[in-house]
Amino acid sequence: MTNSPRKLVAVALAATALTAGLATPADAAKKKTTDVTFMTRNLFLGADLLPLATTKGADFEHAAGNLLNSVKATDPNGRMKLIAGEIAKAKPDLVGLQEVTLWKTGPKNDPAPAKNVVIDYLATLKRELRARHAAYRVVADQRTLSIEGPTDQNVDLRFTDGNVVLARKGVKVSRVRSRDFKNQLKIPTQALGTVSVNRSYNELDARVRGAKLHLVNAHLEAYSPEFRLKQAKELVAGPLKSKLPTVLVGDLNSGPNLPKPEDRPPFRAIAKAGFKDRRTSKPQCCFDDGLKGGKWDHIVDHIMSKPKLKLVKSYVTGRETTPGGLHPSDHGGVVSVLRFTRGR
């Protein structure tokens, strides 16, 4: 007997309803969650600034000139090209960058700030991301560490550094704030007087494929365990206090297993506030300043969450080298995929 078109439609609708009714709990759970990818990436400013603190006069100018030469020798454009490749490949929804450095020169001993851009990490990184059709935008920028002094190359050299957050296309952000820590290490120098290191953080709310979250990107003090701990406590008391699921990314210069006991308390202060490390256990710090030698044998860069979100996967980046054999940074990058509940 031939079925009528009306009967065939009825049978098809019934089959569809039956299939929908057989959806598994796993399917239902999948619809209620989404995976969000985070990356923390220290770009390495390119040289050690501390030797400038102990010199003055002609010795300072010579040290400052050597500093500029050293930074150029690290091939900043080539390194940012590699890091753009890391980001394009990993496709993180949110990227916390530290040591986002800008170098400028100007007429020697001119009291006006130097304006001639010599090296701009962020501009190069954005250009290289566009070349890879990786759609990212700057959503937070706090670069307030800015120091200028004369060199023996007949120019003044100005150095600017801080933290930046990138968001992938489609990620919505709100309530963006960037601040310097209240507690700052101050270094007395012979040539420039007392210089504040100006460590900082970024914070924002984000919505990613139905998941709402709070992100904090921070760089804690490298040269003083005392100020590092004070800054960690500032994070706990302020930026990390949110009603939303919160993720902290950044270079904390701290960890629970570091060999020096004084380097552990900042991490522990954050962990005590309920934050759990959500990253691979593989170390990714640090190569030496020449970016050719050294090895990764410890962890100071972290991705932490409160509550303890499911870690789907995590890995490190940054072992590639430029044509000249330089790694992109002394640190490796850390990428973690975390699972969130939708629609909170």
Protein backbone atom coordinates (compact mmCIF):
# COMPACT_ATOMS: atom_id res chain seq x y z
CA MET A 1 0.00 0.00 0.00
CA THR A 2 1.40 3.43 -0.94
CA ASN A 3 1.80 5.93 1.91
CA SER A 4 0.27 9.36 1.35
CA PRO A 5 2.47 12.46 1.59
CA ARG A 6 0.53 13.50 4.70
CA LYS A 7 1.34 10.20 6.44
CA LEU A 8 5.02 10.48 5.51
CA VAL A 9 5.23 13.96 7.04
CA ALA A 10 3.57 12.70 10.22
CA VAL A 11 6.02 9.82 10.49
CA ALA A 12 9.00 12.17 9.98
CA LEU A 13 7.77 14.56 12.66
CA ALA A 14 7.28 11.70 15.09
CA ALA A 15 10.79 10.42 14.43
CA THR A 16 12.23 13.87 15.01
CA ALA A 17 10.37 14.20 18.30
CA LEU A 18 11.60 10.76 19.40
CA THR A 19 15.20 11.62 18.54
CA ALA A 20 14.99 14.85 20.52
CA GLY A 21 13.58 12.95 23.45
CA LEU A 22 16.59 10.61 23.42
CA ALA A 23 19.16 13.40 23.91
CA THR A 24 21.73 12.19 26.42
CA PRO A 25 22.59 13.97 29.68
CA ALA A 26 26.01 14.64 28.18
CA ASP A 27 24.40 16.48 25.27
CA ALA A 28 22.34 18.56 27.67
CA ALA A 29 25.39 19.37 29.79
CA LYS A 30 27.37 20.35 26.71
CA LYS A 31 24.76 22.94 25.79
CA LYS A 32 25.06 24.49 29.25
CA THR A 33 28.83 24.92 29.16
CA THR A 34 31.41 26.55 26.94
CA ASP A 35 35.19 26.33 26.81
CA VAL A 36 37.14 29.59 27.02
CA THR A 37 40.83 29.84 26.12
CA PHE A 38 43.22 32.09 28.04
CA MET A 39 46.85 32.97 27.40
CA THR A 40 49.44 34.75 29.51
CA ARG A 41 52.53 36.03 27.69
CA ASN A 42 55.53 37.93 29.01
CA LEU A 43 57.17 39.63 26.00
CA PHE A 44 60.58 40.35 27.66
CA LEU A 45 61.61 43.99 27.58
CA GLY A 46 64.93 43.09 25.95
CA ALA A 47 67.61 43.90 28.54
CA ASP A 48 68.37 44.30 32.24
CA LEU A 49 67.74 47.85 33.48
CA LEU A 50 69.32 47.53 36.91
CA PRO A 51 72.90 48.39 35.83
CA LEU A 52 71.63 51.90 35.03
CA ALA A 53 70.88 52.46 38.71
CA THR A 54 74.52 52.30 39.80
CA THR A 55 76.12 54.69 37.29
CA LYS A 56 76.08 58.40 36.52
CA GLY A 57 77.59 60.88 34.10
CA ALA A 58 79.54 59.41 31.19
CA ASP A 59 79.27 55.89 32.64
CA PHE A 60 75.47 56.18 32.70
CA GLU A 61 75.35 57.45 29.12
CA HIS A 62 77.54 54.58 28.00
CA ALA A 63 75.37 52.05 29.85
CA ALA A 64 72.22 53.58 28.34
CA GLY A 65 73.73 53.41 24.85
CA ASN A 66 74.65 49.77 25.42
CA LEU A 67 71.11 49.14 26.63
CA LEU A 68 69.65 50.42 23.37
CA ASN A 69 72.09 48.29 21.37
CA SER A 70 71.23 45.22 23.46
CA VAL A 71 67.50 45.66 22.90
CA LYS A 72 67.96 46.04 19.15
CA ALA A 73 70.15 42.91 19.15
CA THR A 74 67.24 40.83 20.47
CA ASP A 75 65.41 41.36 17.14
CA PRO A 76 62.16 42.70 18.65
CA ASN A 77 60.26 42.57 15.34
CA GLY A 78 61.31 38.97 14.72
CA ARG A 79 60.33 38.01 18.26
CA MET A 80 56.92 39.68 18.07
CA LYS A 81 56.36 37.87 14.78
CA LEU A 82 56.86 34.56 16.56
CA ILE A 83 54.55 35.55 19.42
CA ALA A 84 51.86 36.64 16.94
CA GLY A 85 52.18 33.17 15.44
CA GLU A 86 51.68 31.62 18.87
CA ILE A 87 48.52 33.64 19.44
CA ALA A 88 47.12 32.96 15.97
CA LYS A 89 47.67 29.23 16.43
CA ALA A 90 46.30 28.97 19.98
CA LYS A 91 43.30 31.24 19.28
CA PRO A 92 42.91 32.41 22.90
CA ASP A 93 39.76 34.38 23.64
CA LEU A 94 41.65 36.64 26.05
CA VAL A 95 45.40 37.31 26.19
CA GLY A 96 47.22 38.92 29.12
CA LEU A 97 50.49 40.51 28.01
CA GLN A 98 53.27 41.73 30.31
CA GLU A 99 56.41 43.76 29.54
CA VAL A 100 54.75 45.39 26.54
CA THR A 101 57.62 47.70 25.79
CA LEU A 102 58.02 50.91 23.83
CA TRP A 103 61.43 52.50 23.15
CA LYS A 104 61.79 56.08 21.87
CA THR A 105 64.67 58.45 21.22
CA GLY A 106 64.86 62.23 21.16
CA PRO A 107 67.35 65.09 21.09
CA LYS A 108 69.96 64.66 23.81
CA ASN A 109 69.24 66.50 27.08
CA ASP A 110 65.95 67.85 25.72
CA PRO A 111 63.53 68.22 28.67
CA ALA A 112 60.58 67.28 26.44
CA PRO A 113 59.72 63.54 26.32
CA ALA A 114 61.39 61.63 23.46
CA LYS A 115 59.01 61.01 20.56
CA ASN A 116 60.91 59.08 17.89
CA VAL A 117 59.65 55.49 18.07
CA VAL A 118 62.47 52.99 17.68
CA ILE A 119 60.81 49.81 18.96
CA ASP A 120 57.09 49.28 19.62
CA TYR A 121 56.20 45.75 20.69
CA LEU A 122 52.45 46.28 20.61
CA ALA A 123 52.33 47.93 17.17
CA THR A 124 54.44 45.12 15.70
CA LEU A 125 52.35 42.44 17.40
CA LYS A 126 49.10 43.95 16.10
CA ARG A 127 50.52 44.19 12.59
CA GLU A 128 51.67 40.58 12.62
CA LEU A 129 48.30 39.40 13.94
CA ARG A 130 46.53 41.21 11.11
CA ALA A 131 48.88 39.57 8.61
CA ARG A 132 47.68 36.19 9.94
CA HIS A 133 44.02 37.26 9.79
CA ALA A 134 43.85 36.85 13.58
CA ALA A 135 41.26 39.37 14.72
CA TYR A 136 42.32 40.79 18.09
CA ARG A 137 41.84 44.20 19.65
CA VAL A 138 43.39 45.96 22.62
CA VAL A 139 40.81 46.19 25.41
CA ALA A 140 43.05 47.27 28.32
CA ASP A 141 46.39 49.08 28.36
CA GLN A 142 48.37 50.22 31.40
CA ARG A 143 51.94 51.25 30.60
CA THR A 144 52.99 53.78 33.16
CA LEU A 145 56.59 52.76 33.83
CA SER A 146 58.36 55.44 31.81
CA ILE A 147 62.00 56.45 32.25
CA GLU A 148 64.21 58.69 30.11
CA GLY A 149 67.89 59.51 30.16
CA PRO A 150 70.85 60.54 27.96
CA THR A 151 73.03 58.10 26.01
CA ASP A 152 76.45 58.26 24.41
CA GLN A 153 74.74 58.03 21.00
CA ASN A 154 73.78 61.73 21.03
CA VAL A 155 70.15 60.94 21.85
CA ASP A 156 67.96 60.60 24.91
CA LEU A 157 66.42 57.15 25.35
CA ARG A 158 62.90 56.72 26.73
CA PHE A 159 61.59 53.36 27.94
CA THR A 160 57.88 52.66 28.56
CA ASP A 161 56.53 49.37 29.87
CA GLY A 162 53.39 47.75 31.30
CA ASN A 163 50.50 45.37 30.75
CA VAL A 164 47.97 44.93 27.94
CA VAL A 165 44.94 42.70 27.39
CA LEU A 166 43.90 41.52 23.93
CA ALA A 167 40.43 40.16 23.16
CA ARG A 168 39.53 37.98 20.21
CA LYS A 169 36.78 39.05 17.83
CA GLY A 170 33.39 38.20 19.30
CA VAL A 171 34.45 38.60 22.94
CA LYS A 172 32.48 41.37 24.62
CA VAL A 173 34.11 43.30 27.46
CA SER A 174 32.84 45.81 30.00
CA ARG A 175 33.88 47.48 33.26
CA VAL A 176 37.48 47.78 32.11
CA ARG A 177 39.90 49.23 34.66
CA SER A 178 43.69 49.41 34.72
CA ARG A 179 45.68 50.59 37.72
CA ASP A 180 49.16 50.78 39.16
CA PHE A 181 49.60 49.00 42.47
CA LYS A 182 49.59 51.26 45.52
CA ASN A 183 52.67 49.48 46.84
CA GLN A 184 55.59 50.13 44.49
CA LEU A 185 59.28 49.39 44.77
CA LYS A 186 61.32 52.57 44.45
CA ILE A 187 64.91 52.29 43.27
CA PRO A 188 67.44 55.04 44.02
CA THR A 189 69.60 55.80 41.01
CA GLN A 190 72.65 58.01 40.77
CA ALA A 191 71.65 59.62 37.47
CA LEU A 192 67.84 59.89 37.60
CA GLY A 193 67.04 60.10 41.28
CA THR A 194 64.50 57.75 42.83
CA VAL A 195 62.56 55.75 40.22
CA SER A 196 59.24 54.00 40.91
CA VAL A 197 58.99 50.65 39.15
CA ASN A 198 55.20 51.09 38.56
CA ARG A 199 53.95 47.50 38.42
CA SER A 200 50.30 47.33 37.37
CA TYR A 201 47.24 45.24 36.57
CA ASN A 202 44.26 45.22 34.19
CA GLU A 203 40.78 43.98 35.08
CA LEU A 204 37.57 43.59 33.10
CA ASP A 205 34.34 41.64 32.77
CA ALA A 206 33.90 39.57 29.63
CA ARG A 207 31.19 37.57 27.89
CA VAL A 208 32.43 34.69 25.76
CA ARG A 209 29.92 32.48 23.95
CA GLY A 210 27.36 32.86 26.72
CA ALA A 211 29.82 32.61 29.62
CA LYS A 212 30.31 35.62 31.88
CA LEU A 213 33.63 36.04 33.67
CA HIS A 214 36.01 38.48 35.33
CA LEU A 215 39.63 38.67 34.11
CA VAL A 216 42.66 40.13 35.86
CA ASN A 217 46.05 40.46 34.17
CA ALA A 218 48.96 41.34 36.47
CA HIS A 219 52.73 41.61 36.73
CA LEU A 220 54.03 41.46 40.30
CA GLU A 221 57.33 42.96 41.41
CA ALA A 222 60.40 40.99 40.30
CA TYR A 223 63.09 42.58 42.46
CA SER A 224 61.52 42.65 45.94
CA PRO A 225 59.71 39.77 47.70
CA GLU A 226 58.31 42.28 50.18
CA PHE A 227 56.58 44.43 47.54
CA ARG A 228 55.60 41.34 45.54
CA LEU A 229 53.64 40.04 48.52
CA LYS A 230 52.05 43.44 49.16
CA GLN A 231 50.91 43.59 45.53
CA ALA A 232 49.49 40.06 45.70
CA LYS A 233 47.46 41.11 48.74
CA GLU A 234 46.24 44.16 46.83
CA LEU A 235 44.94 41.87 44.10
CA VAL A 236 43.09 39.74 46.66
CA ALA A 237 41.57 42.77 48.36
CA GLY A 238 40.48 44.51 45.15
CA PRO A 239 40.62 43.33 41.52
CA LEU A 240 40.12 39.64 42.36
CA LYS A 241 36.94 40.29 44.35
CA SER A 242 34.14 39.67 41.87
CA LYS A 243 30.81 37.86 41.95
CA LEU A 244 31.64 36.41 38.53
CA PRO A 245 33.89 33.40 37.95
CA THR A 246 37.32 35.02 38.01
CA VAL A 247 40.51 34.20 36.13
CA LEU A 248 43.91 35.66 37.02
CA VAL A 249 46.61 35.55 34.36
CA GLY A 250 50.08 37.00 34.59
CA ASP A 251 53.67 36.95 35.66
CA LEU A 252 53.43 36.64 39.43
CA ASN A 253 57.16 36.10 39.98
CA SER A 254 55.98 33.57 42.55
CA GLY A 255 54.95 29.95 42.85
CA PRO A 256 54.41 27.27 45.49
CA ASN A 257 57.51 25.28 44.60
CA LEU A 258 60.16 27.89 43.85
CA PRO A 259 63.55 27.17 45.44
CA LYS A 260 63.71 30.44 47.42
CA PRO A 261 61.20 30.43 50.31
CA GLU A 262 60.67 34.19 50.01
CA ASP A 263 59.31 33.72 46.47
CA ARG A 264 56.40 31.51 47.59
CA PRO A 265 54.16 33.72 49.81
CA PRO A 266 52.61 35.90 47.03
CA PHE A 267 51.27 32.83 45.23
CA ARG A 268 50.07 31.36 48.51
CA ALA A 269 48.24 34.58 49.43
CA ILE A 270 46.25 34.34 46.21
CA ALA A 271 45.67 30.61 46.64
CA LYS A 272 44.45 31.21 50.21
CA ALA A 273 41.76 33.49 48.74
CA GLY A 274 40.35 30.49 46.86
CA PHE A 275 42.22 30.63 43.56
CA LYS A 276 43.46 27.39 42.01
CA ASP A 277 46.28 27.07 39.49
CA ARG A 278 44.75 26.03 36.16
CA ARG A 279 47.82 25.44 33.97
CA THR A 280 50.16 22.71 32.84
CA SER A 281 52.85 21.66 35.32
CA LYS A 282 55.55 22.06 32.66
CA PRO A 283 58.00 24.86 33.49
CA GLN A 284 58.43 27.75 31.03
CA CYS A 285 60.96 30.10 32.59
CA CYS A 286 63.54 31.29 31.97
CA PHE A 287 66.00 31.59 29.11
CA ASP A 288 68.89 33.99 29.65
CA ASP A 289 68.77 37.61 28.50
CA GLY A 290 70.54 36.72 25.24
CA LEU A 291 67.57 34.44 24.39
CA LYS A 292 69.83 31.66 23.14
CA GLY A 293 70.96 29.92 26.32
CA GLY A 294 69.50 28.95 29.64
CA LYS A 295 66.64 26.57 30.29
CA TRP A 296 63.09 26.45 31.55
CA ASP A 297 63.23 24.95 35.02
CA HIS A 298 60.61 26.80 37.07
CA ILE A 299 57.17 28.43 36.94
CA VAL A 300 56.34 32.07 37.67
CA ASP A 301 53.59 32.67 35.08
CA HIS A 302 50.16 31.48 36.12
CA ILE A 303 46.54 31.08 35.08
CA MET A 304 44.40 30.76 38.21
CA SER A 305 40.65 30.60 38.70
CA LYS A 306 38.01 30.97 41.38
CA PRO A 307 36.04 28.79 41.58
CA LYS A 308 38.18 25.82 40.49
CA LEU A 309 37.09 25.58 36.86
CA LYS A 310 37.59 22.40 34.87
CA LEU A 311 40.94 22.46 33.07
CA VAL A 312 40.24 21.04 29.62
CA LYS A 313 43.82 21.35 28.40
CA SER A 314 46.93 23.46 28.92
CA TYR A 315 50.31 23.82 27.27
CA VAL A 316 53.29 26.15 26.88
CA THR A 317 54.49 28.05 23.82
CA GLY A 318 57.71 29.78 22.85
CA ARG A 319 60.40 27.27 21.93
CA GLU A 320 60.60 28.47 18.33
CA THR A 321 63.46 30.73 17.26
CA THR A 322 63.95 33.61 14.88
CA PRO A 323 66.19 33.15 11.81
CA GLY A 324 68.98 34.46 14.04
CA GLY A 325 68.39 31.71 16.61
CA LEU A 326 66.65 33.82 19.29
CA HIS A 327 63.68 32.65 21.30
CA PRO A 328 60.68 35.03 21.34
CA SER A 329 61.09 35.76 25.06
CA ASP A 330 62.91 34.57 28.15
CA HIS A 331 59.54 33.26 29.34
CA GLY A 332 57.31 30.83 27.49
CA GLY A 333 53.64 31.53 27.04
CA VAL A 334 50.96 29.56 28.90
CA VAL A 335 47.65 28.60 27.28
CA SER A 336 44.77 27.08 29.27
CA VAL A 337 41.29 26.08 28.15
CA LEU A 338 38.76 26.34 31.01
CA ARG A 339 35.13 25.19 31.07
CA PHE A 340 32.45 27.66 32.13
CA THR A 341 28.74 27.41 32.74
CA ARG A 342 26.73 29.49 30.29
CA GLY A 343 24.24 32.20 31.11
CA ARG A 344 25.25 33.11 34.64
